[in-house]
Amino acid sequence: MAYNSEVGFTTQQVADKLGVTSKHVRYLVKKMRIRPAWVGPTMTFTAAQFQKLRDRDTQPGPKPKGKR
């Protein structure tokens, strides 16, 4: 995956690295309220934003609520 400090990672590069589709990356951006930069029609991400996407919770199902 190429990274250029001026442009960053594209949606497709992030999707390939995470093993998901570019459509799912756009969904995650909206859900996680990440504000990518736009270069023309292309969404780009900084290294920190990519790290946040990579470190997201990937466990399926509802989250435990602690002790009752």
N, C-alpha and C. Protein backbone atom coordinates (compact mmCIF):
# COMPACT_ATOMS: atom_id res chain seq x y z
N MET A 1 0.85 -1.17 0.00
CA MET A 1 0.00 0.00 0.00
C MET A 1 0.89 1.23 0.00
N ALA A 2 0.68 2.08 -0.95
CA ALA A 2 1.47 3.30 -1.05
C ALA A 2 0.85 4.37 -0.16
N TYR A 3 1.70 5.16 0.44
CA TYR A 3 1.23 6.27 1.25
C TYR A 3 1.99 7.51 0.84
N ASN A 4 1.29 8.54 0.54
CA ASN A 4 1.88 9.82 0.19
C ASN A 4 1.39 10.81 1.24
N SER A 5 2.30 11.48 1.94
CA SER A 5 1.90 12.36 3.04
C SER A 5 1.01 13.51 2.58
N GLU A 6 1.08 13.87 1.30
CA GLU A 6 0.23 14.94 0.80
C GLU A 6 -1.18 14.46 0.50
N VAL A 7 -1.32 13.22 0.05
CA VAL A 7 -2.62 12.71 -0.36
C VAL A 7 -3.19 11.76 0.67
N GLY A 8 -2.42 10.81 1.18
CA GLY A 8 -2.90 9.85 2.15
C GLY A 8 -3.35 8.57 1.48
N PHE A 9 -4.15 7.81 2.19
CA PHE A 9 -4.67 6.55 1.69
C PHE A 9 -6.01 6.79 1.02
N THR A 10 -6.24 6.16 -0.11
CA THR A 10 -7.54 6.27 -0.77
C THR A 10 -8.50 5.27 -0.15
N THR A 11 -9.77 5.40 -0.46
CA THR A 11 -10.79 4.49 0.05
C THR A 11 -10.48 3.05 -0.37
N GLN A 12 -10.08 2.87 -1.62
CA GLN A 12 -9.80 1.53 -2.12
C GLN A 12 -8.58 0.92 -1.44
N GLN A 13 -7.54 1.73 -1.18
CA GLN A 13 -6.36 1.24 -0.48
C GLN A 13 -6.70 0.81 0.94
N VAL A 14 -7.51 1.59 1.61
CA VAL A 14 -7.94 1.24 2.98
C VAL A 14 -8.77 -0.05 2.95
N ALA A 15 -9.68 -0.15 1.99
CA ALA A 15 -10.53 -1.35 1.87
C ALA A 15 -9.68 -2.59 1.63
N ASP A 16 -8.71 -2.50 0.74
CA ASP A 16 -7.84 -3.65 0.46
C ASP A 16 -7.06 -4.07 1.70
N LYS A 17 -6.54 -3.10 2.43
CA LYS A 17 -5.76 -3.40 3.63
C LYS A 17 -6.62 -4.00 4.74
N LEU A 18 -7.87 -3.53 4.87
CA LEU A 18 -8.76 -4.04 5.92
C LEU A 18 -9.48 -5.32 5.51
N GLY A 19 -9.46 -5.64 4.22
CA GLY A 19 -10.16 -6.84 3.75
C GLY A 19 -11.67 -6.65 3.65
N VAL A 20 -12.10 -5.43 3.37
CA VAL A 20 -13.52 -5.13 3.21
C VAL A 20 -13.71 -4.41 1.88
N THR A 21 -14.95 -4.10 1.54
CA THR A 21 -15.22 -3.37 0.30
C THR A 21 -15.09 -1.86 0.54
N SER A 22 -14.93 -1.12 -0.54
CA SER A 22 -14.85 0.34 -0.40
C SER A 22 -16.18 0.91 0.09
N LYS A 23 -17.28 0.25 -0.25
CA LYS A 23 -18.59 0.69 0.25
C LYS A 23 -18.66 0.55 1.77
N HIS A 24 -18.08 -0.53 2.31
CA HIS A 24 -18.07 -0.72 3.77
C HIS A 24 -17.17 0.32 4.44
N VAL A 25 -16.09 0.69 3.80
CA VAL A 25 -15.22 1.75 4.35
C VAL A 25 -16.02 3.05 4.45
N ARG A 26 -16.78 3.39 3.40
CA ARG A 26 -17.60 4.61 3.45
C ARG A 26 -18.64 4.52 4.56
N TYR A 27 -19.21 3.33 4.79
CA TYR A 27 -20.16 3.13 5.89
C TYR A 27 -19.46 3.36 7.24
N LEU A 28 -18.26 2.80 7.40
CA LEU A 28 -17.52 2.96 8.66
C LEU A 28 -17.17 4.42 8.92
N VAL A 29 -16.81 5.14 7.87
CA VAL A 29 -16.48 6.55 8.01
C VAL A 29 -17.67 7.32 8.57
N LYS A 30 -18.85 7.04 8.04
CA LYS A 30 -20.05 7.72 8.52
C LYS A 30 -20.38 7.29 9.96
N LYS A 31 -20.31 6.00 10.23
CA LYS A 31 -20.65 5.47 11.55
C LYS A 31 -19.67 5.96 12.63
N MET A 32 -18.38 5.99 12.30
CA MET A 32 -17.36 6.37 13.27
C MET A 32 -17.07 7.88 13.27
N ARG A 33 -17.78 8.62 12.41
CA ARG A 33 -17.65 10.07 12.33
C ARG A 33 -16.21 10.51 12.05
N ILE A 34 -15.59 9.83 11.12
CA ILE A 34 -14.24 10.20 10.67
C ILE A 34 -14.41 11.22 9.55
N ARG A 35 -13.61 12.27 9.56
CA ARG A 35 -13.71 13.32 8.54
C ARG A 35 -12.53 13.24 7.59
N PRO A 36 -12.66 12.48 6.52
CA PRO A 36 -11.55 12.36 5.57
C PRO A 36 -11.40 13.62 4.73
N ALA A 37 -10.23 13.76 4.13
CA ALA A 37 -10.01 14.87 3.19
C ALA A 37 -10.50 14.42 1.83
N TRP A 38 -10.86 15.36 1.00
CA TRP A 38 -11.31 15.06 -0.35
C TRP A 38 -10.32 15.64 -1.34
N VAL A 39 -9.86 14.81 -2.27
CA VAL A 39 -9.01 15.25 -3.37
C VAL A 39 -9.84 15.00 -4.62
N GLY A 40 -10.52 16.05 -5.07
CA GLY A 40 -11.47 15.87 -6.16
C GLY A 40 -12.60 14.98 -5.67
N PRO A 41 -12.95 13.93 -6.41
CA PRO A 41 -14.01 13.03 -5.98
C PRO A 41 -13.52 11.90 -5.07
N THR A 42 -12.24 11.91 -4.71
CA THR A 42 -11.63 10.81 -3.96
C THR A 42 -11.51 11.14 -2.48
N MET A 43 -12.02 10.23 -1.64
CA MET A 43 -11.90 10.36 -0.20
C MET A 43 -10.50 9.87 0.20
N THR A 44 -9.77 10.64 0.99
CA THR A 44 -8.43 10.22 1.43
C THR A 44 -8.35 10.26 2.95
N PHE A 45 -7.47 9.42 3.48
CA PHE A 45 -7.33 9.26 4.93
C PHE A 45 -5.90 9.45 5.36
N THR A 46 -5.70 10.03 6.53
CA THR A 46 -4.36 10.14 7.11
C THR A 46 -4.00 8.81 7.76
N ALA A 47 -2.75 8.69 8.16
CA ALA A 47 -2.31 7.47 8.83
C ALA A 47 -3.08 7.26 10.14
N ALA A 48 -3.35 8.34 10.87
CA ALA A 48 -4.08 8.25 12.14
C ALA A 48 -5.52 7.79 11.91
N GLN A 49 -6.15 8.30 10.85
CA GLN A 49 -7.52 7.87 10.54
C GLN A 49 -7.54 6.40 10.12
N PHE A 50 -6.55 5.98 9.35
CA PHE A 50 -6.45 4.58 8.96
C PHE A 50 -6.28 3.71 10.20
N GLN A 51 -5.45 4.13 11.14
CA GLN A 51 -5.23 3.37 12.37
C GLN A 51 -6.54 3.23 13.15
N LYS A 52 -7.34 4.30 13.21
CA LYS A 52 -8.62 4.25 13.91
C LYS A 52 -9.56 3.24 13.24
N LEU A 53 -9.58 3.24 11.91
CA LEU A 53 -10.40 2.26 11.19
C LEU A 53 -9.90 0.84 11.43
N ARG A 54 -8.59 0.67 11.47
CA ARG A 54 -8.02 -0.66 11.67
C ARG A 54 -8.28 -1.18 13.07
N ASP A 55 -8.31 -0.30 14.06
CA ASP A 55 -8.47 -0.70 15.46
C ASP A 55 -9.92 -0.77 15.91
N ARG A 56 -10.86 -0.67 14.97
CA ARG A 56 -12.28 -0.69 15.34
C ARG A 56 -12.65 -2.06 15.92
N ASP A 57 -13.75 -2.09 16.67
CA ASP A 57 -14.26 -3.35 17.24
C ASP A 57 -14.88 -4.18 16.12
N THR A 58 -14.39 -5.40 15.94
CA THR A 58 -14.90 -6.25 14.85
C THR A 58 -15.67 -7.46 15.37
N GLN A 59 -15.96 -7.51 16.66
CA GLN A 59 -16.71 -8.64 17.22
C GLN A 59 -18.19 -8.52 16.85
N PRO A 60 -18.77 -9.59 16.29
CA PRO A 60 -20.20 -9.53 15.94
C PRO A 60 -21.09 -9.60 17.18
N GLY A 61 -22.30 -9.15 17.02
CA GLY A 61 -23.30 -9.28 18.08
C GLY A 61 -23.32 -8.09 19.02
N PRO A 62 -24.29 -8.11 19.95
CA PRO A 62 -24.42 -7.00 20.89
C PRO A 62 -23.24 -6.97 21.86
N LYS A 63 -22.96 -5.79 22.35
CA LYS A 63 -21.85 -5.61 23.28
C LYS A 63 -22.32 -5.89 24.70
N PRO A 64 -21.48 -6.55 25.52
CA PRO A 64 -21.89 -6.81 26.90
C PRO A 64 -22.06 -5.52 27.68
N LYS A 65 -23.01 -5.51 28.60
CA LYS A 65 -23.36 -4.29 29.34
C LYS A 65 -22.76 -4.25 30.75
N GLY A 66 -21.89 -5.12 31.13
CA GLY A 66 -21.33 -5.08 32.47
C GLY A 66 -22.23 -5.80 33.47
N LYS A 67 -21.91 -5.67 34.77
CA LYS A 67 -22.67 -6.37 35.81
C LYS A 67 -24.03 -5.74 36.02
N ARG A 68 -24.97 -6.59 36.35
CA ARG A 68 -26.32 -6.13 36.65
C ARG A 68 -26.56 -6.12 38.12
